[in-house]
Amino acid sequence: MSEQTTTEAQAPDPSDPQKELDQLAAEKAELQDRLLRAQAEFQNFRKRTEKERGELFEFASMEAVRAMLPVLDDFERSLKVESSDKEYVKGMELIYQRFYEGLKKLGLEPIVSQGQPFDPHVHHAVDSAETDEVPADTVLEEFQRGYNFKGRMLRPAMVKVAVHPQAK
């Protein structure tokens, strides 16, 4: 019995059909507005979670590649050492090349430093040398290569920078 009373209370006055029509149109418009807002909110949520998920994967990849950089550095240092066993050296070079190419495919990009102007955003100066042979603030030597990962700084290059000689 209480259900009938509630239904009757919600029902519009049947004596005025225009009022009933206006009320139903307003309800319809409100429900459509709520539906559109809910759909837009859901689309924004989906886009935001997809973006966050992509950033998470990129960050995880970046950290994995960062963890591999010391190994890459060790390979480069070992290849600079002279060895009498040419087959061993050739095998090391092949392994280094495959490793380096695999990291490049993931997004590793070396920073070219030698002969470039010093940039504190991509270079870490660990030494300087007085010289007139090149302009001041030019990178003379690279001690450790720097890398970007998909356009973002992964590790700055450790370099030696030219400075003008002091006047005596």
Protein backbone atom coordinates (compact mmCIF):
# COMPACT_ATOMS: atom_id res chain seq x y z
CA MET A 1 0.00 0.00 0.00
CA SER A 2 2.86 2.37 0.77
CA GLU A 3 4.26 1.80 -2.75
CA GLN A 4 1.02 3.04 -4.31
CA THR A 5 1.08 6.13 -2.13
CA THR A 6 4.65 6.95 -3.15
CA THR A 7 3.91 6.38 -6.82
CA GLU A 8 0.85 8.58 -6.62
CA ALA A 9 2.85 11.30 -4.85
CA GLN A 10 5.50 11.30 -7.59
CA ALA A 11 3.05 11.24 -10.45
CA PRO A 12 2.34 14.67 -11.95
CA ASP A 13 -1.11 16.19 -11.84
CA PRO A 14 -3.04 14.54 -14.72
CA SER A 15 -5.27 17.60 -15.05
CA ASP A 16 -2.42 19.64 -16.66
CA PRO A 17 -0.81 17.67 -19.53
CA GLN A 18 1.47 20.57 -20.54
CA LYS A 19 2.94 20.75 -17.04
CA GLU A 20 3.49 17.00 -17.10
CA LEU A 21 5.15 17.23 -20.52
CA ASP A 22 7.45 20.05 -19.34
CA GLN A 23 8.42 18.13 -16.22
CA LEU A 24 9.23 15.00 -18.22
CA ALA A 25 11.26 17.03 -20.74
CA ALA A 26 13.23 18.61 -17.88
CA GLU A 27 13.87 15.17 -16.34
CA LYS A 28 14.97 13.85 -19.72
CA ALA A 29 17.34 16.78 -20.26
CA GLU A 30 18.80 16.33 -16.76
CA LEU A 31 19.33 12.60 -17.31
CA GLN A 32 20.92 13.21 -20.70
CA ASP A 33 23.24 15.81 -19.15
CA ARG A 34 24.20 13.41 -16.36
CA LEU A 35 24.82 10.66 -18.92
CA LEU A 36 27.04 12.91 -21.07
CA ARG A 37 29.00 14.04 -18.02
CA ALA A 38 29.49 10.45 -16.85
CA GLN A 39 30.68 9.41 -20.32
CA ALA A 40 33.10 12.33 -20.51
CA GLU A 41 34.39 11.60 -17.02
CA PHE A 42 34.92 7.95 -17.94
CA GLN A 43 36.78 8.88 -21.16
CA ASN A 44 39.04 11.27 -19.22
CA PHE A 45 39.69 8.58 -16.62
CA ARG A 46 40.56 6.06 -19.35
CA LYS A 47 42.93 8.50 -21.09
CA ARG A 48 44.59 9.42 -17.79
CA THR A 49 45.13 5.78 -16.79
CA GLU A 50 46.51 4.92 -20.24
CA LYS A 51 48.94 7.86 -20.00
CA GLU A 52 50.00 6.88 -16.47
CA ARG A 53 50.45 3.28 -17.57
CA GLY A 54 52.63 4.36 -20.51
CA GLU A 55 54.72 6.59 -18.24
CA LEU A 56 55.14 3.73 -15.78
CA PHE A 57 56.39 1.41 -18.53
CA GLU A 58 58.73 4.10 -19.83
CA PHE A 59 60.07 4.76 -16.33
CA ALA A 60 60.60 1.02 -15.76
CA SER A 61 62.41 0.74 -19.10
CA MET A 62 64.52 3.77 -18.27
CA GLU A 63 65.55 2.31 -14.92
CA ALA A 64 66.39 -1.05 -16.51
CA VAL A 65 68.59 0.64 -19.11
CA ARG A 66 70.19 2.80 -16.40
CA ALA A 67 71.10 -0.39 -14.52
CA MET A 68 72.82 -1.71 -17.68
CA LEU A 69 75.01 1.38 -18.22
CA PRO A 70 77.84 0.21 -15.90
CA VAL A 71 78.04 -3.01 -17.91
CA LEU A 72 78.20 -1.02 -21.14
CA ASP A 73 80.95 1.17 -19.61
CA ASP A 74 82.91 -1.93 -18.57
CA PHE A 75 82.65 -3.32 -22.10
CA GLU A 76 83.97 -0.04 -23.54
CA ARG A 77 86.88 0.03 -21.08
CA SER A 78 87.76 -3.61 -21.72
CA LEU A 79 87.80 -3.05 -25.48
CA LYS A 80 90.37 -0.24 -25.05
CA VAL A 81 92.85 -2.64 -23.43
CA GLU A 82 95.28 -4.36 -25.81
CA SER A 83 95.07 -8.14 -25.97
CA SER A 84 97.22 -10.68 -27.78
CA ASP A 85 94.23 -12.99 -28.37
CA LYS A 86 92.60 -11.44 -31.44
CA GLU A 87 89.70 -13.93 -31.49
CA TYR A 88 88.83 -13.04 -27.91
CA VAL A 89 88.85 -9.33 -28.77
CA LYS A 90 86.68 -9.97 -31.83
CA GLY A 91 84.18 -11.94 -29.72
CA MET A 92 84.07 -9.16 -27.11
CA GLU A 93 83.47 -6.57 -29.82
CA LEU A 94 80.58 -8.62 -31.25
CA ILE A 95 78.99 -9.02 -27.82
CA TYR A 96 79.44 -5.30 -27.13
CA GLN A 97 77.86 -4.38 -30.48
CA ARG A 98 74.82 -6.62 -29.90
CA PHE A 99 74.38 -5.33 -26.36
CA TYR A 100 74.74 -1.69 -27.45
CA GLU A 101 72.35 -2.12 -30.41
CA GLY A 102 69.79 -3.79 -28.12
CA LEU A 103 69.91 -0.83 -25.73
CA LYS A 104 69.60 1.59 -28.65
CA LYS A 105 66.46 -0.21 -29.82
CA LEU A 106 64.99 0.31 -26.35
CA GLY A 107 65.63 4.06 -26.66
CA LEU A 108 69.22 4.67 -25.49
CA GLU A 109 70.83 7.64 -27.27
CA PRO A 110 74.52 8.53 -26.75
CA ILE A 111 75.41 12.16 -26.15
CA VAL A 112 78.16 13.45 -28.45
CA SER A 113 80.53 15.47 -26.28
CA GLN A 114 84.07 15.68 -27.62
CA GLY A 115 84.68 18.97 -29.44
CA GLN A 116 81.25 20.31 -28.46
CA PRO A 117 80.64 23.42 -26.35
CA PHE A 118 80.27 22.62 -22.66
CA ASP A 119 76.61 22.41 -21.64
CA PRO A 120 75.96 21.95 -17.90
CA HIS A 121 72.64 20.27 -18.72
CA VAL A 122 74.33 17.36 -20.52
CA HIS A 123 77.94 17.49 -19.28
CA HIS A 124 79.50 17.01 -15.87
CA ALA A 125 82.92 18.73 -15.83
CA VAL A 126 85.39 16.70 -13.76
CA ASP A 127 88.59 18.29 -15.10
CA SER A 128 89.77 21.36 -17.00
CA ALA A 129 92.86 22.15 -19.03
CA GLU A 130 94.38 25.45 -20.10
CA THR A 131 94.75 25.67 -23.88
CA ASP A 132 94.67 28.14 -26.76
CA GLU A 133 94.09 25.44 -29.38
CA VAL A 134 90.28 25.42 -28.95
CA PRO A 135 87.79 28.00 -27.70
CA ALA A 136 87.16 28.17 -23.97
CA ASP A 137 84.37 25.95 -22.61
CA THR A 138 84.93 23.31 -25.29
CA VAL A 139 84.88 19.65 -24.28
CA LEU A 140 88.41 18.28 -24.75
CA GLU A 141 87.97 14.73 -23.54
CA GLU A 142 85.17 12.44 -22.51
CA PHE A 143 85.87 10.26 -19.46
CA GLN A 144 82.45 8.63 -19.34
CA ARG A 145 79.85 8.80 -22.08
CA GLY A 146 76.52 10.42 -21.33
CA TYR A 147 73.18 9.09 -22.52
CA ASN A 148 69.62 10.17 -23.16
CA PHE A 149 66.73 7.74 -23.04
CA LYS A 150 63.92 8.53 -25.46
CA GLY A 151 64.88 12.19 -25.37
CA ARG A 152 65.23 12.43 -21.58
CA MET A 153 68.54 12.79 -19.76
CA LEU A 154 69.63 9.44 -18.39
CA ARG A 155 73.21 10.24 -17.40
CA PRO A 156 75.38 13.31 -18.08
CA ALA A 157 78.76 12.85 -19.76
CA MET A 158 81.82 13.24 -17.50
CA VAL A 159 84.19 15.51 -19.42
CA LYS A 160 87.37 17.59 -19.42
CA VAL A 161 86.77 21.22 -20.44
CA ALA A 162 89.10 23.76 -22.07
CA VAL A 163 89.82 27.06 -20.32
CA HIS A 164 91.89 30.04 -21.43
CA PRO A 165 95.41 30.09 -19.97
CA GLN A 166 95.96 32.42 -17.06
CA ALA A 167 98.07 35.47 -17.89
CA LYS A 168 101.32 35.52 -15.89
